[in-house]
N, C-alpha and C. Protein backbone atom coordinates (compact mmCIF):
# COMPACT_ATOMS: atom_id res chain seq x y z
N MET A 1 169.10 -162.41 91.79
CA MET A 1 168.78 -161.41 90.79
C MET A 1 168.54 -160.09 91.52
N ASN A 2 169.22 -159.05 91.07
CA ASN A 2 168.99 -157.76 91.71
C ASN A 2 167.81 -157.04 91.08
N THR A 3 167.41 -155.95 91.68
CA THR A 3 166.19 -155.28 91.25
C THR A 3 166.32 -154.62 89.88
N LEU A 4 167.52 -154.17 89.52
CA LEU A 4 167.71 -153.57 88.19
C LEU A 4 167.48 -154.60 87.10
N HIS A 5 168.09 -155.77 87.25
CA HIS A 5 167.90 -156.84 86.26
C HIS A 5 166.43 -157.26 86.19
N ALA A 6 165.81 -157.38 87.34
CA ALA A 6 164.39 -157.78 87.36
C ALA A 6 163.53 -156.74 86.68
N SER A 7 163.83 -155.48 86.92
CA SER A 7 163.04 -154.41 86.31
C SER A 7 163.19 -154.39 84.79
N LEU A 8 164.42 -154.51 84.32
CA LEU A 8 164.64 -154.51 82.87
C LEU A 8 164.01 -155.73 82.20
N LEU A 9 164.13 -156.86 82.85
CA LEU A 9 163.55 -158.09 82.31
C LEU A 9 162.03 -158.01 82.28
N ALA A 10 161.43 -157.51 83.34
CA ALA A 10 159.97 -157.36 83.38
C ALA A 10 159.50 -156.34 82.35
N LEU A 11 160.24 -155.26 82.18
CA LEU A 11 159.86 -154.26 81.19
C LEU A 11 159.95 -154.81 79.77
N ALA A 12 161.02 -155.53 79.47
CA ALA A 12 161.18 -156.12 78.14
C ALA A 12 160.08 -157.13 77.84
N LEU A 13 159.80 -157.99 78.80
CA LEU A 13 158.74 -158.99 78.60
C LEU A 13 157.37 -158.33 78.54
N GLY A 14 157.15 -157.32 79.36
CA GLY A 14 155.88 -156.59 79.32
C GLY A 14 155.66 -155.89 78.00
N PHE A 15 156.71 -155.26 77.47
CA PHE A 15 156.60 -154.59 76.18
C PHE A 15 156.32 -155.60 75.07
N THR A 16 157.03 -156.71 75.09
CA THR A 16 156.82 -157.75 74.09
C THR A 16 155.40 -158.29 74.16
N GLY A 17 154.92 -158.56 75.36
CA GLY A 17 153.58 -159.10 75.52
C GLY A 17 152.50 -158.13 75.09
N MET A 18 152.63 -156.88 75.51
CA MET A 18 151.62 -155.88 75.14
C MET A 18 151.63 -155.61 73.64
N ALA A 19 152.82 -155.56 73.04
CA ALA A 19 152.90 -155.33 71.60
C ALA A 19 152.31 -156.51 70.83
N ALA A 20 152.58 -157.72 71.29
CA ALA A 20 152.01 -158.90 70.61
C ALA A 20 150.49 -158.87 70.69
N LEU A 21 149.95 -158.51 71.84
CA LEU A 21 148.49 -158.42 71.96
C LEU A 21 147.93 -157.30 71.10
N ALA A 22 148.66 -156.20 70.99
CA ALA A 22 148.20 -155.10 70.14
C ALA A 22 148.20 -155.51 68.67
N PHE A 23 149.27 -156.17 68.24
CA PHE A 23 149.36 -156.57 66.84
C PHE A 23 148.46 -157.74 66.50
N ALA A 24 147.84 -158.36 67.47
CA ALA A 24 146.85 -159.39 67.21
C ALA A 24 145.51 -158.78 66.82
N MET A 25 145.39 -157.47 66.90
CA MET A 25 144.15 -156.77 66.50
C MET A 25 144.29 -156.30 65.06
N ASP A 26 143.17 -156.32 64.33
CA ASP A 26 143.19 -155.98 62.90
C ASP A 26 143.77 -154.59 62.64
N ARG A 27 143.37 -153.62 63.44
CA ARG A 27 143.80 -152.24 63.20
C ARG A 27 145.32 -152.09 63.29
N HIS A 28 145.91 -152.64 64.33
CA HIS A 28 147.35 -152.50 64.51
C HIS A 28 148.13 -153.43 63.60
N TYR A 29 147.54 -154.56 63.27
CA TYR A 29 148.18 -155.46 62.31
C TYR A 29 148.26 -154.77 60.94
N GLU A 30 147.22 -154.04 60.59
CA GLU A 30 147.24 -153.30 59.33
C GLU A 30 148.30 -152.22 59.36
N GLN A 31 148.47 -151.54 60.48
CA GLN A 31 149.52 -150.53 60.60
C GLN A 31 150.91 -151.16 60.43
N LEU A 32 151.06 -152.36 60.93
CA LEU A 32 152.36 -153.03 60.88
C LEU A 32 152.66 -153.60 59.50
N THR A 33 151.69 -154.26 58.89
CA THR A 33 151.97 -155.00 57.66
C THR A 33 151.36 -154.39 56.40
N GLY A 34 150.33 -153.57 56.56
CA GLY A 34 149.64 -153.03 55.40
C GLY A 34 148.50 -153.91 54.92
N ARG A 35 148.36 -155.10 55.48
CA ARG A 35 147.25 -155.99 55.14
C ARG A 35 146.11 -155.75 56.11
N TYR A 36 144.89 -155.77 55.60
CA TYR A 36 143.75 -155.39 56.43
C TYR A 36 143.41 -156.42 57.49
N GLU A 37 143.40 -157.67 57.11
CA GLU A 37 142.93 -158.70 58.04
C GLU A 37 144.07 -159.65 58.40
N ILE A 38 144.15 -159.98 59.66
CA ILE A 38 145.19 -160.88 60.15
C ILE A 38 144.69 -162.33 60.03
N PRO A 39 145.53 -163.23 59.54
CA PRO A 39 145.12 -164.63 59.48
C PRO A 39 144.85 -165.19 60.89
N LEU A 40 143.90 -166.10 60.96
CA LEU A 40 143.46 -166.62 62.26
C LEU A 40 144.60 -167.29 63.04
N ALA A 41 145.42 -168.07 62.35
CA ALA A 41 146.53 -168.75 63.04
C ALA A 41 147.53 -167.75 63.59
N GLN A 42 147.79 -166.71 62.82
CA GLN A 42 148.73 -165.69 63.28
C GLN A 42 148.15 -164.89 64.43
N ARG A 43 146.86 -164.64 64.41
CA ARG A 43 146.20 -163.94 65.51
C ARG A 43 146.34 -164.73 66.80
N TRP A 44 146.09 -166.04 66.74
CA TRP A 44 146.20 -166.87 67.94
C TRP A 44 147.64 -166.99 68.41
N LEU A 45 148.58 -167.05 67.48
CA LEU A 45 149.98 -167.11 67.86
C LEU A 45 150.40 -165.84 68.59
N LEU A 46 150.01 -164.69 68.07
CA LEU A 46 150.33 -163.43 68.73
C LEU A 46 149.67 -163.32 70.10
N ARG A 47 148.45 -163.79 70.21
CA ARG A 47 147.77 -163.77 71.51
C ARG A 47 148.48 -164.68 72.51
N CYS A 48 148.89 -165.85 72.06
CA CYS A 48 149.59 -166.77 72.96
C CYS A 48 150.96 -166.22 73.37
N VAL A 49 151.69 -165.67 72.42
CA VAL A 49 152.99 -165.08 72.74
C VAL A 49 152.83 -163.92 73.72
N GLY A 50 151.82 -163.08 73.50
CA GLY A 50 151.58 -161.96 74.40
C GLY A 50 151.23 -162.41 75.79
N THR A 51 150.38 -163.40 75.90
CA THR A 51 149.98 -163.90 77.21
C THR A 51 151.16 -164.55 77.94
N VAL A 52 151.93 -165.36 77.22
CA VAL A 52 153.08 -166.02 77.85
C VAL A 52 154.12 -164.99 78.29
N ALA A 53 154.35 -163.98 77.48
CA ALA A 53 155.33 -162.95 77.85
C ALA A 53 154.88 -162.17 79.08
N LEU A 54 153.60 -161.84 79.15
CA LEU A 54 153.11 -161.10 80.32
C LEU A 54 153.15 -161.96 81.59
N VAL A 55 152.84 -163.22 81.46
CA VAL A 55 152.91 -164.11 82.63
C VAL A 55 154.37 -164.33 83.03
N ALA A 56 155.26 -164.46 82.05
CA ALA A 56 156.68 -164.66 82.35
C ALA A 56 157.30 -163.44 83.03
N ALA A 57 156.73 -162.27 82.80
CA ALA A 57 157.27 -161.05 83.41
C ALA A 57 157.10 -161.02 84.92
N VAL A 58 156.21 -161.84 85.46
CA VAL A 58 156.00 -161.84 86.91
C VAL A 58 157.15 -162.54 87.64
N PHE A 59 157.80 -163.49 87.01
CA PHE A 59 158.81 -164.30 87.68
C PHE A 59 160.05 -163.49 88.12
N PRO A 60 160.62 -162.63 87.28
CA PRO A 60 161.76 -161.86 87.79
C PRO A 60 161.36 -160.90 88.90
N CYS A 61 160.16 -160.36 88.84
CA CYS A 61 159.70 -159.45 89.90
C CYS A 61 159.56 -160.18 91.22
N VAL A 62 158.97 -161.36 91.19
CA VAL A 62 158.80 -162.14 92.42
C VAL A 62 160.16 -162.62 92.93
N ALA A 63 161.08 -162.95 92.02
CA ALA A 63 162.41 -163.39 92.45
C ALA A 63 163.18 -162.27 93.12
N ALA A 64 162.99 -161.04 92.66
CA ALA A 64 163.75 -159.91 93.21
C ALA A 64 163.12 -159.32 94.46
N TRP A 65 161.80 -159.24 94.52
CA TRP A 65 161.13 -158.53 95.60
C TRP A 65 160.28 -159.41 96.51
N GLY A 66 160.08 -160.64 96.18
CA GLY A 66 159.17 -161.48 96.95
C GLY A 66 157.78 -161.44 96.34
N ALA A 67 156.89 -162.24 96.89
CA ALA A 67 155.57 -162.42 96.27
C ALA A 67 154.69 -161.18 96.34
N THR A 68 154.63 -160.51 97.48
CA THR A 68 153.70 -159.39 97.61
C THR A 68 154.18 -158.16 96.87
N VAL A 69 155.39 -157.73 97.13
CA VAL A 69 155.92 -156.55 96.46
C VAL A 69 156.21 -156.85 94.98
N GLY A 70 156.63 -158.07 94.69
CA GLY A 70 156.90 -158.46 93.30
C GLY A 70 155.67 -158.40 92.42
N THR A 71 154.53 -158.77 92.97
CA THR A 71 153.29 -158.70 92.19
C THR A 71 152.92 -157.25 91.88
N VAL A 72 153.09 -156.39 92.85
CA VAL A 72 152.81 -154.96 92.63
C VAL A 72 153.81 -154.37 91.63
N ALA A 73 155.08 -154.75 91.75
CA ALA A 73 156.08 -154.29 90.80
C ALA A 73 155.77 -154.79 89.39
N TRP A 74 155.32 -156.03 89.29
CA TRP A 74 154.94 -156.58 87.99
C TRP A 74 153.80 -155.78 87.36
N LEU A 75 152.80 -155.47 88.15
CA LEU A 75 151.69 -154.66 87.63
C LEU A 75 152.18 -153.29 87.18
N GLY A 76 153.09 -152.73 87.94
CA GLY A 76 153.65 -151.43 87.55
C GLY A 76 154.44 -151.50 86.25
N TRP A 77 155.28 -152.52 86.11
CA TRP A 77 156.09 -152.63 84.91
C TRP A 77 155.27 -152.95 83.67
N ILE A 78 154.23 -153.77 83.81
CA ILE A 78 153.42 -154.01 82.61
C ILE A 78 152.57 -152.78 82.28
N SER A 79 152.27 -151.96 83.26
CA SER A 79 151.57 -150.70 82.97
C SER A 79 152.48 -149.74 82.23
N VAL A 80 153.73 -149.64 82.64
CA VAL A 80 154.70 -148.81 81.93
C VAL A 80 154.91 -149.33 80.51
N ALA A 81 154.99 -150.64 80.38
CA ALA A 81 155.16 -151.24 79.05
C ALA A 81 153.96 -150.96 78.17
N ALA A 82 152.76 -151.01 78.74
CA ALA A 82 151.55 -150.73 77.95
C ALA A 82 151.55 -149.29 77.45
N LEU A 83 151.96 -148.36 78.30
CA LEU A 83 152.04 -146.96 77.87
C LEU A 83 153.07 -146.77 76.77
N ALA A 84 154.20 -147.46 76.89
CA ALA A 84 155.23 -147.38 75.85
C ALA A 84 154.74 -147.97 74.53
N VAL A 85 154.01 -149.07 74.61
CA VAL A 85 153.47 -149.69 73.39
C VAL A 85 152.45 -148.76 72.74
N VAL A 86 151.59 -148.15 73.53
CA VAL A 86 150.59 -147.23 72.98
C VAL A 86 151.28 -146.09 72.24
N GLY A 87 152.30 -145.52 72.86
CA GLY A 87 153.00 -144.41 72.21
C GLY A 87 153.74 -144.83 70.96
N LEU A 88 154.42 -145.95 71.02
CA LEU A 88 155.23 -146.37 69.88
C LEU A 88 154.39 -146.95 68.75
N VAL A 89 153.33 -147.66 69.07
CA VAL A 89 152.49 -148.21 68.01
C VAL A 89 151.78 -147.08 67.25
N SER A 90 151.36 -146.06 67.97
CA SER A 90 150.67 -144.96 67.29
C SER A 90 151.64 -144.10 66.48
N ALA A 91 152.88 -143.98 66.92
CA ALA A 91 153.84 -143.13 66.21
C ALA A 91 154.60 -143.90 65.13
N ALA A 92 155.08 -145.08 65.45
CA ALA A 92 155.91 -145.85 64.52
C ALA A 92 155.67 -147.34 64.75
N PRO A 93 154.63 -147.89 64.13
CA PRO A 93 154.29 -149.29 64.41
C PRO A 93 155.37 -150.29 64.02
N ARG A 94 156.11 -150.02 62.96
CA ARG A 94 157.16 -150.97 62.57
C ARG A 94 158.30 -150.99 63.58
N TRP A 95 158.61 -149.83 64.13
CA TRP A 95 159.63 -149.78 65.18
C TRP A 95 159.13 -150.51 66.42
N ALA A 96 157.85 -150.38 66.71
CA ALA A 96 157.28 -151.07 67.87
C ALA A 96 157.42 -152.58 67.70
N GLY A 97 157.15 -153.07 66.50
CA GLY A 97 157.31 -154.51 66.24
C GLY A 97 158.76 -154.94 66.37
N LEU A 98 159.68 -154.12 65.88
CA LEU A 98 161.10 -154.44 65.98
C LEU A 98 161.57 -154.44 67.43
N VAL A 99 161.19 -153.42 68.18
CA VAL A 99 161.58 -153.33 69.59
C VAL A 99 160.98 -154.50 70.38
N ALA A 100 159.74 -154.85 70.08
CA ALA A 100 159.10 -155.97 70.78
C ALA A 100 159.82 -157.29 70.48
N GLY A 101 160.17 -157.50 69.24
CA GLY A 101 160.89 -158.73 68.89
C GLY A 101 162.25 -158.80 69.53
N LEU A 102 162.99 -157.69 69.48
CA LEU A 102 164.32 -157.67 70.09
C LEU A 102 164.24 -157.76 71.61
N GLY A 103 163.22 -157.14 72.19
CA GLY A 103 163.04 -157.23 73.64
C GLY A 103 162.73 -158.64 74.09
N GLY A 104 161.89 -159.31 73.33
CA GLY A 104 161.57 -160.71 73.66
C GLY A 104 162.77 -161.62 73.52
N LEU A 105 163.53 -161.44 72.45
CA LEU A 105 164.73 -162.26 72.27
C LEU A 105 165.79 -161.93 73.31
N GLY A 106 165.90 -160.65 73.65
CA GLY A 106 166.87 -160.25 74.66
C GLY A 106 166.51 -160.73 76.05
N ALA A 107 165.23 -160.94 76.30
CA ALA A 107 164.79 -161.40 77.62
C ALA A 107 165.00 -162.89 77.82
N LEU A 108 165.13 -163.64 76.76
CA LEU A 108 165.29 -165.10 76.89
C LEU A 108 166.52 -165.51 77.71
N PRO A 109 167.70 -164.92 77.47
CA PRO A 109 168.84 -165.30 78.32
C PRO A 109 168.62 -164.96 79.79
N GLY A 110 167.93 -163.86 80.07
CA GLY A 110 167.63 -163.51 81.45
C GLY A 110 166.70 -164.51 82.11
N LEU A 111 165.73 -164.99 81.35
CA LEU A 111 164.82 -166.00 81.89
C LEU A 111 165.54 -167.32 82.13
N VAL A 112 166.43 -167.68 81.22
CA VAL A 112 167.21 -168.92 81.39
C VAL A 112 168.09 -168.79 82.62
N TRP A 113 168.74 -167.64 82.79
CA TRP A 113 169.59 -167.42 83.96
C TRP A 113 168.76 -167.48 85.25
N LEU A 114 167.57 -166.89 85.22
CA LEU A 114 166.70 -166.92 86.39
C LEU A 114 166.27 -168.36 86.70
N TRP A 115 165.95 -169.13 85.68
CA TRP A 115 165.54 -170.53 85.86
C TRP A 115 166.67 -171.34 86.50
N GLU A 116 167.90 -171.13 86.01
CA GLU A 116 169.04 -171.85 86.57
C GLU A 116 169.31 -171.43 88.00
N ALA A 117 169.12 -170.17 88.32
CA ALA A 117 169.34 -169.69 89.68
C ALA A 117 168.31 -170.29 90.64
N VAL A 118 167.09 -170.45 90.18
CA VAL A 118 166.04 -171.03 91.01
C VAL A 118 166.28 -172.51 91.21
N GLN A 119 166.83 -173.19 90.24
CA GLN A 119 167.07 -174.63 90.33
C GLN A 119 168.18 -174.98 91.32
N ARG A 120 169.05 -174.03 91.62
CA ARG A 120 170.16 -174.31 92.55
C ARG A 120 169.72 -174.38 93.95
């Protein structure tokens, strides 16, 4: 995996994870759906999806740069993703939800490809 692919994959997963964690909060959930309170099961699902996406974002970074530099790159990419989520959620929360969903779905083939490459 080259560094461009790792960077894009980490950014997509970081954005998805940060957006999921943001939408697990009542305030941002209300911005997204118009309903004041988020159901408990949906809150936990969003928290789990966000956590899994953020943890999964470390794997392409470590695969491309190694453990030490990859961890630093991962922290950088999730920081960039957090800033993007803050800007997009405050300006257009529905677009943020759409971008997060598409980013997460788009990252799945990259993760599968990375998994197969590691298995070889």
